[in-house]
């Protein structure tokens, strides 16, 4: 039996008349929002060295901009769940500042440039919030050295996150990767 154009278009509709393709994209988008929020929640609970946690900031710097708010909420909830109030406020301020700077830069630069500028922003945000936190709590020069190390780790991990999130799952074999990704992977 041959399908008519009317019959094919009726296949794409639910019983209530809504489009199945739009519903599927809506579920995919909300799934990604939840995934990035949960990932930021988990990254905020990772300690790197003596309570330093640069991974939430670098993760938010690497994800697409449209999911920054959910990652901010997840990172803030995770930070307040496991860190002291002052450290959690610092992580939340760093992620919020990064989201704000990304909002400003979003319209100004082309897509290829934004990713690595976000890694530099991760360094700047981690260093500035760490310096303020260190000045308010300790005030020693040794603390500033650990803040610089945390910022460097944030920069490097942001680059790693950017590289790993860029490779689509469908072309993950080494033969199908671009030349830059082959060099990065070894």
N, C-alpha and C. Protein backbone atom coordinates (compact mmCIF):
# COMPACT_ATOMS: atom_id res chain seq x y z
N UNK A 1 0.85 -1.18 0.00
CA UNK A 1 0.00 0.00 0.00
C UNK A 1 0.89 1.23 0.00
N UNK A 2 0.58 2.15 -0.88
CA UNK A 2 1.38 3.34 -1.04
C UNK A 2 0.96 4.40 -0.01
N UNK A 3 1.96 5.07 0.54
CA UNK A 3 1.66 6.12 1.52
C UNK A 3 1.46 7.44 0.79
N UNK A 4 0.50 8.17 1.20
CA UNK A 4 0.28 9.49 0.61
C UNK A 4 1.00 10.53 1.44
N UNK A 5 1.11 11.71 0.88
CA UNK A 5 1.78 12.80 1.58
C UNK A 5 1.03 13.17 2.85
N UNK A 6 -0.30 13.07 2.79
CA UNK A 6 -1.08 13.38 3.98
C UNK A 6 -0.83 12.36 5.08
N UNK A 7 -0.74 11.09 4.70
CA UNK A 7 -0.52 10.03 5.67
C UNK A 7 0.85 10.14 6.31
N UNK A 8 1.90 10.48 5.51
CA UNK A 8 3.26 10.64 6.06
C UNK A 8 3.33 11.79 7.04
N UNK A 9 2.63 12.87 6.75
CA UNK A 9 2.67 14.00 7.68
C UNK A 9 1.92 13.67 8.96
N UNK A 10 0.90 12.80 8.87
CA UNK A 10 0.18 12.42 10.07
C UNK A 10 1.01 11.51 10.97
N UNK A 11 2.01 10.80 10.38
CA UNK A 11 2.88 9.95 11.18
C UNK A 11 3.76 10.76 12.12
N UNK A 12 4.06 11.98 11.74
CA UNK A 12 4.94 12.83 12.54
C UNK A 12 4.21 13.60 13.62
N UNK A 13 2.93 13.32 13.82
CA UNK A 13 2.16 14.04 14.82
C UNK A 13 1.75 13.09 15.94
N UNK A 14 1.70 13.60 17.16
CA UNK A 14 1.16 12.86 18.29
C UNK A 14 -0.36 12.85 18.21
N UNK A 15 -0.99 12.18 19.14
CA UNK A 15 -2.45 12.16 19.16
C UNK A 15 -3.04 13.53 19.44
N UNK A 16 -2.31 14.36 20.18
CA UNK A 16 -2.82 15.69 20.48
C UNK A 16 -2.45 16.72 19.41
N UNK A 17 -1.79 16.30 18.32
CA UNK A 17 -1.49 17.20 17.22
C UNK A 17 -0.14 17.88 17.30
N UNK A 18 0.67 17.59 18.31
CA UNK A 18 1.99 18.21 18.40
C UNK A 18 2.99 17.44 17.55
N UNK A 19 4.03 18.10 17.15
CA UNK A 19 5.03 17.51 16.26
C UNK A 19 6.00 16.65 17.07
N UNK A 20 6.25 15.42 16.60
CA UNK A 20 7.16 14.51 17.29
C UNK A 20 8.60 14.98 17.25
N UNK A 21 9.02 15.58 16.14
CA UNK A 21 10.40 16.05 16.01
C UNK A 21 10.69 17.17 17.00
N UNK A 22 9.74 18.09 17.15
CA UNK A 22 9.93 19.17 18.12
C UNK A 22 9.97 18.63 19.54
N UNK A 23 9.14 17.66 19.83
CA UNK A 23 9.11 17.06 21.17
C UNK A 23 10.43 16.34 21.46
N UNK A 24 10.97 15.65 20.45
CA UNK A 24 12.24 14.94 20.63
C UNK A 24 13.38 15.92 20.88
N UNK A 25 13.40 17.03 20.14
CA UNK A 25 14.46 18.02 20.37
C UNK A 25 14.30 18.69 21.73
N UNK A 26 13.07 18.86 22.17
CA UNK A 26 12.86 19.43 23.49
C UNK A 26 13.39 18.50 24.58
N UNK A 27 13.12 17.20 24.44
CA UNK A 27 13.64 16.23 25.40
C UNK A 27 15.16 16.18 25.37
N UNK A 28 15.74 16.26 24.18
CA UNK A 28 17.20 16.24 24.07
C UNK A 28 17.81 17.47 24.73
N UNK A 29 17.19 18.62 24.51
CA UNK A 29 17.73 19.85 25.11
C UNK A 29 17.64 19.81 26.63
N UNK A 30 16.49 19.38 27.16
CA UNK A 30 16.35 19.31 28.62
C UNK A 30 17.25 18.23 29.21
N UNK A 31 17.48 17.18 28.43
CA UNK A 31 18.42 16.15 28.87
C UNK A 31 19.84 16.69 28.98
N UNK A 32 20.23 17.51 28.00
CA UNK A 32 21.56 18.12 28.04
C UNK A 32 21.66 19.12 29.19
N UNK A 33 20.60 19.88 29.42
CA UNK A 33 20.59 20.82 30.55
C UNK A 33 20.81 20.06 31.85
N UNK A 34 20.09 18.97 32.02
CA UNK A 34 20.24 18.17 33.24
C UNK A 34 21.62 17.54 33.32
N UNK A 35 22.13 17.05 32.20
CA UNK A 35 23.45 16.42 32.18
C UNK A 35 24.55 17.40 32.56
N UNK A 36 24.52 18.61 32.00
CA UNK A 36 25.54 19.59 32.32
C UNK A 36 25.41 20.09 33.76
N UNK A 37 24.18 20.19 34.27
CA UNK A 37 23.99 20.57 35.67
C UNK A 37 24.53 19.53 36.63
N UNK A 38 24.25 18.26 36.36
CA UNK A 38 24.75 17.18 37.22
C UNK A 38 26.27 17.07 37.12
N UNK A 39 26.82 17.22 35.91
CA UNK A 39 28.28 17.16 35.76
C UNK A 39 28.96 18.30 36.53
N UNK A 40 28.41 19.51 36.47
CA UNK A 40 28.97 20.62 37.24
C UNK A 40 28.84 20.38 38.73
N UNK A 41 27.73 19.78 39.16
CA UNK A 41 27.55 19.43 40.57
C UNK A 41 28.66 18.47 41.02
N UNK A 42 28.96 17.47 40.21
CA UNK A 42 29.99 16.50 40.57
C UNK A 42 31.39 17.10 40.50
N UNK A 43 31.65 17.94 39.50
CA UNK A 43 32.98 18.57 39.39
C UNK A 43 33.24 19.52 40.54
N UNK A 44 32.20 20.14 41.08
CA UNK A 44 32.42 21.08 42.19
C UNK A 44 32.83 20.36 43.47
N UNK A 45 32.61 19.07 43.53
CA UNK A 45 32.97 18.32 44.73
C UNK A 45 34.36 17.69 44.63
N UNK A 46 35.04 17.88 43.51
CA UNK A 46 36.41 17.35 43.37
C UNK A 46 37.41 18.33 43.96
N UNK A 47 38.26 17.85 44.83
CA UNK A 47 39.37 18.66 45.35
C UNK A 47 40.61 18.35 44.55
N UNK A 48 41.36 19.39 44.23
CA UNK A 48 42.60 19.18 43.50
C UNK A 48 43.78 19.10 44.44
N UNK A 49 43.89 20.11 45.32
CA UNK A 49 45.04 20.18 46.21
C UNK A 49 44.68 21.13 47.33
N UNK A 50 44.57 20.62 48.53
CA UNK A 50 44.25 21.43 49.72
C UNK A 50 42.99 22.27 49.54
N UNK A 51 41.96 21.67 49.06
CA UNK A 51 40.69 22.39 48.93
C UNK A 51 40.53 23.20 47.68
N UNK A 52 41.49 23.17 46.78
CA UNK A 52 41.35 23.91 45.53
C UNK A 52 40.49 23.09 44.57
N UNK A 53 39.56 23.75 43.91
CA UNK A 53 38.67 23.03 43.01
C UNK A 53 38.46 23.82 41.72
N UNK A 54 39.37 23.72 40.77
CA UNK A 54 39.25 24.49 39.53
C UNK A 54 38.42 23.82 38.45
N UNK A 55 37.94 22.60 38.69
CA UNK A 55 37.34 21.84 37.61
C UNK A 55 35.94 22.32 37.24
N UNK A 56 35.21 22.86 38.18
CA UNK A 56 33.89 23.40 37.85
C UNK A 56 34.02 24.59 36.92
N UNK A 57 34.95 25.47 37.23
CA UNK A 57 35.16 26.66 36.40
C UNK A 57 35.60 26.25 35.00
N UNK A 58 36.53 25.31 34.91
CA UNK A 58 37.01 24.91 33.59
C UNK A 58 35.92 24.16 32.81
N UNK A 59 35.07 23.41 33.48
CA UNK A 59 33.98 22.72 32.80
C UNK A 59 32.98 23.72 32.25
N UNK A 60 32.63 24.74 33.03
CA UNK A 60 31.69 25.75 32.57
C UNK A 60 32.30 26.57 31.43
N UNK A 61 33.61 26.73 31.43
CA UNK A 61 34.26 27.43 30.33
C UNK A 61 34.29 26.63 29.04
N UNK A 62 34.15 25.33 29.13
CA UNK A 62 34.25 24.48 27.95
C UNK A 62 32.91 24.12 27.32
N UNK A 63 31.84 24.18 28.07
CA UNK A 63 30.55 23.75 27.53
C UNK A 63 29.95 24.85 26.67
N UNK A 64 28.97 24.51 25.83
CA UNK A 64 28.29 25.55 25.04
C UNK A 64 27.61 26.57 25.95
N UNK A 65 27.53 27.80 25.47
CA UNK A 65 27.04 28.90 26.30
C UNK A 65 25.61 28.69 26.76
N UNK A 66 24.77 28.08 25.95
CA UNK A 66 23.36 27.94 26.31
C UNK A 66 23.13 27.08 27.55
N UNK A 67 24.14 26.31 27.96
CA UNK A 67 24.00 25.45 29.13
C UNK A 67 24.76 25.99 30.35
N UNK A 68 25.25 27.22 30.26
CA UNK A 68 26.03 27.79 31.37
C UNK A 68 25.19 27.97 32.64
N UNK A 69 23.95 28.40 32.49
CA UNK A 69 23.14 28.65 33.68
C UNK A 69 22.89 27.37 34.45
N UNK A 70 22.57 26.29 33.74
CA UNK A 70 22.33 25.03 34.46
C UNK A 70 23.61 24.53 35.12
N UNK A 71 24.76 24.74 34.46
CA UNK A 71 26.03 24.35 35.06
C UNK A 71 26.35 25.23 36.26
N UNK A 72 25.99 26.51 36.20
CA UNK A 72 26.19 27.39 37.35
C UNK A 72 25.36 26.93 38.54
N UNK A 73 24.11 26.59 38.29
CA UNK A 73 23.24 26.14 39.39
C UNK A 73 23.76 24.83 39.97
N UNK A 74 24.13 23.88 39.10
CA UNK A 74 24.66 22.61 39.57
C UNK A 74 25.97 22.77 40.32
N UNK A 75 26.86 23.63 39.81
CA UNK A 75 28.14 23.86 40.49
C UNK A 75 27.97 24.54 41.83
N UNK A 76 27.05 25.50 41.91
CA UNK A 76 26.82 26.20 43.17
C UNK A 76 26.20 25.25 44.21
N UNK A 77 25.26 24.45 43.79
CA UNK A 77 24.65 23.48 44.72
C UNK A 77 25.68 22.46 45.20
N UNK A 78 26.53 22.00 44.29
CA UNK A 78 27.56 21.04 44.68
C UNK A 78 28.59 21.65 45.60
N UNK A 79 28.94 22.91 45.36
CA UNK A 79 29.92 23.57 46.21
C UNK A 79 29.36 23.79 47.61
N UNK A 80 28.12 24.23 47.71
CA UNK A 80 27.53 24.45 49.03
C UNK A 80 27.23 23.14 49.74
N UNK A 81 27.15 22.04 49.00
CA UNK A 81 26.88 20.75 49.62
C UNK A 81 28.10 20.17 50.31
N UNK A 82 29.31 20.47 49.80
CA UNK A 82 30.47 19.78 50.37
C UNK A 82 31.58 20.71 50.86
N UNK A 83 31.61 21.96 50.47
CA UNK A 83 32.68 22.86 50.88
C UNK A 83 32.22 23.76 52.02
N UNK A 84 33.17 24.43 52.64
CA UNK A 84 32.79 25.41 53.66
C UNK A 84 32.09 26.58 52.98
N UNK A 85 31.41 27.39 53.74
CA UNK A 85 30.60 28.46 53.17
C UNK A 85 31.45 29.46 52.39
N UNK A 86 32.63 29.80 52.90
CA UNK A 86 33.49 30.77 52.22
C UNK A 86 34.04 30.20 50.91
N UNK A 87 34.48 28.95 50.94
CA UNK A 87 35.00 28.33 49.71
C UNK A 87 33.88 28.12 48.70
N UNK A 88 32.70 27.75 49.17
CA UNK A 88 31.57 27.56 48.26
C UNK A 88 31.15 28.88 47.63
N UNK A 89 31.20 29.95 48.40
CA UNK A 89 30.88 31.26 47.85
C UNK A 89 31.91 31.67 46.81
N UNK A 90 33.17 31.31 47.04
CA UNK A 90 34.22 31.63 46.08
C UNK A 90 34.01 30.87 44.77
N UNK A 91 33.70 29.57 44.85
CA UNK A 91 33.48 28.78 43.64
C UNK A 91 32.24 29.29 42.90
N UNK A 92 31.20 29.61 43.64
CA UNK A 92 29.98 30.13 43.01
C UNK A 92 30.22 31.47 42.34
N UNK A 93 30.97 32.34 43.00
CA UNK A 93 31.31 33.64 42.40
C UNK A 93 32.16 33.47 41.16
N UNK A 94 33.09 32.53 41.20
CA UNK A 94 33.95 32.30 40.03
C UNK A 94 33.14 31.81 38.84
N UNK A 95 32.23 30.87 39.08
CA UNK A 95 31.40 30.35 37.99
C UNK A 95 30.45 31.42 37.48
N UNK A 96 29.87 32.21 38.38
CA UNK A 96 28.97 33.29 37.97
C UNK A 96 29.73 34.33 37.16
N UNK A 97 30.92 34.70 37.60
CA UNK A 97 31.73 35.68 36.87
C UNK A 97 32.10 35.15 35.49
N UNK A 98 32.44 33.88 35.41
CA UNK A 98 32.76 33.28 34.12
C UNK A 98 31.55 33.30 33.20
N UNK A 99 30.38 32.97 33.71
CA UNK A 99 29.16 33.01 32.89
C UNK A 99 28.86 34.43 32.41
N UNK A 100 29.08 35.39 33.28
CA UNK A 100 28.86 36.79 32.91
C UNK A 100 29.83 37.24 31.82
N UNK A 101 31.11 36.88 31.97
CA UNK A 101 32.09 37.23 30.94
C UNK A 101 31.80 36.52 29.63
N UNK A 102 31.36 35.28 29.70
CA UNK A 102 31.00 34.56 28.48
C UNK A 102 29.79 35.19 27.79
N UNK A 103 28.85 35.72 28.57
CA UNK A 103 27.71 36.42 28.00
C UNK A 103 28.16 37.65 27.23
N UNK A 104 29.11 38.38 27.78
CA UNK A 104 29.62 39.57 27.11
C UNK A 104 30.37 39.21 25.84
N UNK A 105 31.17 38.17 25.88
CA UNK A 105 31.99 37.79 24.74
C UNK A 105 31.20 37.03 23.68
N UNK A 106 30.08 36.45 24.04
CA UNK A 106 29.31 35.59 23.14
C UNK A 106 29.00 36.27 21.81
N UNK A 107 28.63 37.50 21.82
CA UNK A 107 28.23 38.20 20.60
C UNK A 107 29.41 38.84 19.86
N UNK A 108 30.56 38.97 20.52
CA UNK A 108 31.65 39.75 19.94
C UNK A 108 32.62 38.95 19.08
N UNK A 109 32.78 37.64 19.32
CA UNK A 109 33.81 36.87 18.62
C UNK A 109 33.20 35.74 17.81
N UNK A 110 33.94 35.32 16.78
CA UNK A 110 33.51 34.16 16.01
C UNK A 110 33.66 32.91 16.83
N UNK A 111 33.02 31.84 16.41
CA UNK A 111 32.97 30.60 17.18
C UNK A 111 34.35 29.98 17.39
N UNK A 112 35.23 30.03 16.41
CA UNK A 112 36.53 29.40 16.55
C UNK A 112 37.39 30.08 17.62
N UNK A 113 37.22 31.34 17.81
CA UNK A 113 38.05 32.06 18.77
C UNK A 113 37.54 31.94 20.20
N UNK A 114 36.25 31.76 20.36
CA UNK A 114 35.65 31.79 21.69
C UNK A 114 36.14 30.68 22.60
N UNK A 115 36.37 29.51 22.05
CA UNK A 115 36.69 28.37 22.90
C UNK A 115 37.98 28.59 23.69
N UNK A 116 39.01 29.05 23.02
CA UNK A 116 40.28 29.20 23.72
C UNK A 116 40.34 30.50 24.52
N UNK A 117 39.53 31.46 24.15
CA UNK A 117 39.40 32.65 25.00
C UNK A 117 38.72 32.25 26.31
N UNK A 118 37.81 31.29 26.24
CA UNK A 118 37.15 30.80 27.45
C UNK A 118 38.16 30.14 28.39
N UNK A 119 39.17 29.47 27.84
CA UNK A 119 40.21 28.87 28.69
C UNK A 119 41.01 29.97 29.40
N UNK A 120 41.30 31.05 28.69
CA UNK A 120 42.01 32.18 29.31
C UNK A 120 41.12 32.83 30.36
N UNK A 121 39.83 32.93 30.06
CA UNK A 121 38.90 33.48 31.06
C UNK A 121 38.85 32.61 32.31
N UNK A 122 38.94 31.30 32.14
CA UNK A 122 38.97 30.41 33.31
C UNK A 122 40.17 30.72 34.19
N UNK A 123 41.33 30.93 33.57
CA UNK A 123 42.53 31.29 34.33
C UNK A 123 42.32 32.60 35.07
N UNK A 124 41.82 33.61 34.37
CA UNK A 124 41.65 34.93 34.97
C UNK A 124 40.64 34.89 36.12
N UNK A 125 39.53 34.19 35.91
CA UNK A 125 38.49 34.13 36.95
C UNK A 125 38.99 33.37 38.16
N UNK A 126 39.66 32.24 37.95
CA UNK A 126 40.20 31.48 39.09
C UNK A 126 41.24 32.29 39.85
N UNK A 127 42.10 32.98 39.12
CA UNK A 127 43.14 33.75 39.78
C UNK A 127 42.56 34.93 40.55
N UNK A 128 41.62 35.64 39.95
CA UNK A 128 41.08 36.82 40.63
C UNK A 128 40.25 36.45 41.86
N UNK A 129 39.38 35.45 41.73
CA UNK A 129 38.59 35.06 42.91
C UNK A 129 39.46 34.40 43.97
N UNK A 130 40.48 33.66 43.54
CA UNK A 130 41.40 33.05 44.50
C UNK A 130 42.23 34.09 45.23
N UNK A 131 42.65 35.14 44.51
CA UNK A 131 43.45 36.19 45.14
C UNK A 131 42.60 36.95 46.18
N UNK A 132 41.36 37.24 45.84
CA UNK A 132 40.48 37.92 46.79
C UNK A 132 40.22 37.04 48.01
N UNK A 133 39.93 35.76 47.75
CA UNK A 133 39.69 34.83 48.86
C UNK A 133 40.93 34.69 49.74
N UNK A 134 42.11 34.60 49.13
CA UNK A 134 43.35 34.47 49.88
C UNK A 134 43.64 35.73 50.68
N UNK A 135 43.38 36.88 50.11
CA UNK A 135 43.61 38.13 50.81
C UNK A 135 42.68 38.27 52.01
N UNK A 136 41.43 37.85 51.84
CA UNK A 136 40.46 37.97 52.94
C UNK A 136 40.69 36.94 54.04
N UNK A 137 41.17 35.75 53.67
CA UNK A 137 41.28 34.70 54.69
C UNK A 137 42.68 34.56 55.26
N UNK A 138 43.71 34.52 54.42
CA UNK A 138 45.06 34.20 54.90
C UNK A 138 46.01 35.38 54.75
N UNK A 139 46.18 35.84 53.54
CA UNK A 139 47.06 36.97 53.28
C UNK A 139 48.53 36.64 53.16
N UNK A 140 48.88 35.38 52.95
CA UNK A 140 50.29 35.01 52.79
C UNK A 140 50.64 34.87 51.32
N UNK A 141 51.94 35.00 51.02
CA UNK A 141 52.40 34.85 49.64
C UNK A 141 52.37 33.40 49.19
N UNK A 142 52.52 32.47 50.09
CA UNK A 142 52.43 31.06 49.73
C UNK A 142 51.05 30.69 49.22
N UNK A 143 50.05 31.35 49.73
CA UNK A 143 48.69 31.13 49.27
C UNK A 143 48.50 31.62 47.85
N UNK A 144 49.18 32.73 47.50
CA UNK A 144 49.07 33.24 46.14
C UNK A 144 49.73 32.29 45.14
N UNK A 145 50.76 31.58 45.58
CA UNK A 145 51.38 30.60 44.71
C UNK A 145 50.42 29.43 44.43
N UNK A 146 49.69 29.00 45.45
CA UNK A 146 48.71 27.94 45.23
C UNK A 146 47.53 28.43 44.39
N UNK A 147 47.18 29.71 44.51
CA UNK A 147 46.13 30.27 43.66
C UNK A 147 46.58 30.29 42.20
N UNK A 148 47.84 30.63 41.97
CA UNK A 148 48.37 30.61 40.60
C UNK A 148 48.38 29.18 40.06
N UNK A 149 48.75 28.21 40.88
CA UNK A 149 48.76 26.81 40.45
C UNK A 149 47.34 26.35 40.14
N UNK A 150 46.38 26.74 40.97
CA UNK A 150 44.99 26.38 40.71
C UNK A 150 44.50 27.00 39.40
N UNK A 151 44.90 28.23 39.16
CA UNK A 151 44.49 28.90 37.92
C UNK A 151 45.11 28.23 36.70
N UNK A 152 46.36 27.81 36.82
CA UNK A 152 47.00 27.10 35.71
C UNK A 152 46.32 25.76 35.45
N UNK A 153 45.95 25.06 36.51
CA UNK A 153 45.23 23.79 36.35
C UNK A 153 43.86 24.05 35.71
N UNK A 154 43.21 25.13 36.07
CA UNK A 154 41.93 25.47 35.48
C UNK A 154 42.09 25.74 33.98
N UNK A 155 43.14 26.45 33.60
CA UNK A 155 43.39 26.72 32.18
C UNK A 155 43.63 25.43 31.41
N UNK A 156 44.50 24.58 31.92
CA UNK A 156 44.83 23.33 31.23
C UNK A 156 43.63 22.40 31.16
N UNK A 157 42.89 22.28 32.25
CA UNK A 157 41.73 21.40 32.22
C UNK A 157 40.63 21.96 31.32
N UNK A 158 40.52 23.28 31.21
CA UNK A 158 39.55 23.86 30.27
C UNK A 158 39.93 23.50 28.83
N UNK A 159 41.21 23.55 28.51
CA UNK A 159 41.65 23.16 27.17
C UNK A 159 41.35 21.68 26.92
N UNK A 160 41.58 20.83 27.92
CA UNK A 160 41.29 19.40 27.77
C UNK A 160 39.79 19.18 27.61
N UNK A 161 38.97 19.88 28.40
CA UNK A 161 37.53 19.75 28.26
C UNK A 161 37.07 20.23 26.88
N UNK A 162 37.63 21.33 26.41
CA UNK A 162 37.26 21.85 25.09
C UNK A 162 37.59 20.84 24.01
N UNK A 163 38.78 20.27 24.09
CA UNK A 163 39.19 19.28 23.10
C UNK A 163 38.32 18.03 23.18
N UNK A 164 38.01 17.57 24.37
CA UNK A 164 37.24 16.33 24.49
C UNK A 164 35.77 16.53 24.15
N UNK A 165 35.22 17.71 24.39
CA UNK A 165 33.83 17.95 24.03
C UNK A 165 33.66 18.27 22.56
N UNK A 166 34.74 18.64 21.88
CA UNK A 166 34.67 18.99 20.48
C UNK A 166 34.55 17.75 19.59
N UNK A 167 35.15 16.64 19.97
CA UNK A 167 35.16 15.44 19.14
C UNK A 167 33.79 14.79 19.20
N UNK A 168 33.08 14.75 18.09
CA UNK A 168 31.77 14.09 18.11
C UNK A 168 31.91 12.59 18.29
N UNK A 169 30.92 11.99 18.88
CA UNK A 169 30.98 10.56 19.15
C UNK A 169 30.94 9.74 17.87
N UNK A 170 30.33 10.24 16.84
CA UNK A 170 30.21 9.48 15.60
C UNK A 170 31.51 9.33 14.84
N UNK A 171 32.46 10.25 15.02
CA UNK A 171 33.72 10.13 14.29
C UNK A 171 34.89 9.96 15.25
N UNK A 172 34.72 9.17 16.24
CA UNK A 172 35.73 9.03 17.27
C UNK A 172 36.88 8.09 16.90
N UNK A 173 36.86 7.48 15.72
CA UNK A 173 37.98 6.63 15.32
C UNK A 173 39.13 7.53 14.87
N UNK A 174 40.36 7.12 15.07
CA UNK A 174 41.50 7.99 14.72
C UNK A 174 41.57 8.33 13.23
N UNK A 175 41.06 7.47 12.36
CA UNK A 175 41.12 7.76 10.94
C UNK A 175 40.19 8.90 10.55
N UNK A 176 39.12 9.10 11.30
CA UNK A 176 38.13 10.11 10.96
C UNK A 176 38.35 11.43 11.68
N UNK A 177 39.34 11.54 12.53
CA UNK A 177 39.58 12.78 13.26
C UNK A 177 40.28 13.80 12.38
N UNK A 178 40.13 15.06 12.73
CA UNK A 178 40.85 16.10 12.01
C UNK A 178 42.33 16.03 12.38
N UNK A 179 43.15 16.74 11.62
CA UNK A 179 44.60 16.69 11.84
C UNK A 179 44.94 17.24 13.22
N UNK A 180 44.28 18.32 13.63
CA UNK A 180 44.57 18.90 14.95
C UNK A 180 44.24 17.92 16.07
N UNK A 181 43.11 17.21 15.93
CA UNK A 181 42.72 16.25 16.98
C UNK A 181 43.64 15.04 16.99
N UNK A 182 44.14 14.63 15.82
CA UNK A 182 45.10 13.51 15.79
C UNK A 182 46.39 13.89 16.48
N UNK A 183 46.85 15.11 16.28
CA UNK A 183 48.09 15.57 16.94
C UNK A 183 47.88 15.64 18.44
N UNK A 184 46.71 16.12 18.87
CA UNK A 184 46.43 16.24 20.29
C UNK A 184 46.38 14.86 20.95
N UNK A 185 45.79 13.88 20.26
CA UNK A 185 45.64 12.56 20.84
C UNK A 185 46.90 11.72 20.74
N UNK A 186 47.88 12.20 20.01
CA UNK A 186 49.16 11.47 19.96
C UNK A 186 49.40 10.78 18.75
